[in-house]
Protein backbone atom coordinates (compact mmCIF):
# COMPACT_ATOMS: atom_id res chain seq x y z
CA MET A 1 0.00 0.00 0.00
CA ARG A 2 2.89 2.34 0.71
CA TRP A 3 4.04 2.09 -2.91
CA LEU A 4 0.69 3.52 -4.05
CA LEU A 5 1.28 6.77 -2.14
CA LYS A 6 4.52 7.28 -4.06
CA ARG A 7 2.87 7.19 -7.53
CA TRP A 8 2.16 10.50 -9.30
CA TRP A 9 -0.96 9.17 -11.02
CA PHE A 10 -2.53 8.31 -7.66
CA TRP A 11 -2.24 11.91 -6.46
CA ALA A 12 -3.36 13.29 -9.84
CA GLY A 13 -6.46 11.07 -9.75
CA THR A 14 -7.19 12.05 -6.16
CA GLY A 15 -6.89 15.74 -7.04
CA PHE A 16 -9.13 15.31 -10.07
CA MET A 17 -11.80 13.58 -7.99
CA LEU A 18 -11.63 16.33 -5.37
CA VAL A 19 -12.08 19.05 -8.00
CA ALA A 20 -14.93 17.12 -9.67
CA VAL A 21 -16.82 16.64 -6.40
CA CYS A 22 -16.43 20.29 -5.37
CA GLY A 23 -17.42 21.53 -8.84
CA GLY A 24 -20.45 19.28 -8.89
CA TYR A 25 -21.49 20.49 -5.47
CA LEU A 26 -21.33 24.13 -6.58
CA LEU A 27 -22.90 23.78 -10.03
CA ILE A 28 -25.52 21.06 -9.73
CA PRO A 29 -28.57 21.82 -7.58
CA VAL A 30 -29.20 19.26 -4.87
CA GLY A 31 -32.98 19.52 -4.80
CA GLN A 32 -35.74 20.98 -6.86
CA GLY A 33 -37.14 24.35 -5.99
CA GLY A 34 -40.72 24.97 -5.00
CA ILE A 35 -41.77 25.50 -8.63
CA SER A 36 -41.51 22.13 -10.37
CA GLN A 37 -43.56 19.53 -12.17
CA ALA A 38 -43.83 17.60 -8.90
CA ALA A 39 -45.29 20.66 -7.14
CA CYS A 40 -47.75 21.15 -9.99
CA ASP A 41 -48.80 17.50 -9.71
CA ARG A 42 -49.60 17.99 -6.01
CA ILE A 43 -52.20 20.62 -6.94
CA LYS A 44 -55.54 18.87 -7.29
CA LEU A 45 -58.59 20.15 -9.14
CA GLY A 46 -61.08 21.60 -6.67
CA MET A 47 -58.48 22.80 -4.16
CA SER A 48 -59.15 26.20 -2.67
CA GLU A 49 -56.91 29.19 -3.31
CA GLU A 50 -55.68 29.10 0.29
CA GLN A 51 -54.61 25.47 -0.06
CA VAL A 52 -52.63 26.25 -3.21
CA ILE A 53 -50.97 29.23 -1.54
CA GLU A 54 -50.08 27.01 1.42
CA LEU A 55 -48.50 24.52 -0.98
CA LEU A 56 -46.59 26.94 -3.25
CA GLY A 57 -46.30 30.09 -1.17
CA ARG A 58 -47.48 33.57 -2.03
CA ALA A 59 -47.33 34.36 -5.75
CA ARG A 60 -45.31 37.37 -6.87
CA LYS A 61 -47.55 38.23 -9.80
CA THR A 62 -51.25 37.67 -10.18
CA ASN A 63 -53.68 38.20 -13.00
CA ARG A 64 -57.05 38.52 -11.32
CA GLY A 65 -58.88 39.59 -14.47
CA TYR A 66 -58.72 36.06 -15.81
CA ALA A 67 -58.75 34.40 -12.36
CA THR A 68 -55.31 32.96 -13.07
CA ILE A 69 -52.38 33.08 -10.67
CA ARG A 70 -48.79 32.51 -11.82
CA TRP A 71 -45.96 31.28 -9.62
CA ASP A 72 -42.38 31.48 -10.90
CA ASP A 73 -38.82 31.07 -9.64
CA GLU A 74 -35.40 32.49 -10.47
CA ASP A 75 -34.82 29.85 -13.17
CA HIS A 76 -38.03 30.92 -14.99
CA ASN A 77 -40.01 27.76 -14.17
CA GLU A 78 -43.69 28.69 -13.98
CA ILE A 79 -46.91 27.21 -12.65
CA PHE A 80 -50.20 28.68 -13.84
CA VAL A 81 -53.32 27.90 -11.80
CA LYS A 82 -56.77 28.86 -13.03
CA PHE A 83 -59.58 29.37 -10.53
CA ASP A 84 -63.33 29.29 -11.12
CA GLU A 85 -65.96 31.63 -9.63
CA THR A 86 -65.90 29.81 -6.28
CA GLN A 87 -62.11 30.28 -5.98
CA HIS A 88 -61.33 26.60 -6.53
CA VAL A 89 -58.78 25.19 -8.96
CA SER A 90 -60.26 24.50 -12.37
CA GLY A 91 -57.00 24.08 -14.30
CA LYS A 92 -53.21 24.04 -13.89
CA TYR A 93 -50.15 24.10 -16.13
CA PHE A 94 -46.40 23.78 -15.56
CA ALA A 95 -44.00 25.53 -17.95
CA ALA A 96 -40.36 24.47 -17.67
CA THR A 97 -37.57 26.98 -18.05
CA PRO A 98 -36.56 27.90 -21.61
CA LEU A 99 -32.95 28.37 -20.46
CA SER A 100 -30.31 25.87 -21.55
CA LEU A 101 -28.20 23.91 -19.08
CA PHE A 102 -25.22 26.18 -19.81
CA GLU A 103 -27.29 29.31 -19.07
CA LEU A 104 -28.59 27.83 -15.82
CA MET A 105 -25.07 26.88 -14.68
CA SER A 106 -23.65 30.30 -15.57
CA ARG A 107 -26.45 31.98 -13.59
CA ARG A 108 -25.60 29.83 -10.55
CA VAL A 109 -21.90 30.65 -10.84
CA ARG A 110 -22.65 34.39 -11.13
CA ALA A 111 -24.85 34.10 -8.02
CA LEU A 112 -21.88 32.70 -6.10
CA TRP A 113 -19.47 35.43 -7.25
CA PRO A 114 -21.36 38.68 -7.86
């Protein structure tokens, strides 16, 4: 085992793995945000507006004229929820971000080093 510690390729491989793990930790998100397809799937037709707000949080922008509320996040994922006259869910739609993987990663890196 002692001979392995004297090999240059062992230390180069160890350094590479360390850089890869740290880079992956910084660039790849660990969990999904609150605005995702899974969150949209948890919204059931007939839920009240208060139940949806409890699930997703307060929306930043609303469009009350059409009884539609839109939730979005910093990656431009969006959930649209349509309510009927009794303020219950009558429709929902999830729109994934139009940003590419490179754009999402560069936004995360810029957030780390402003």
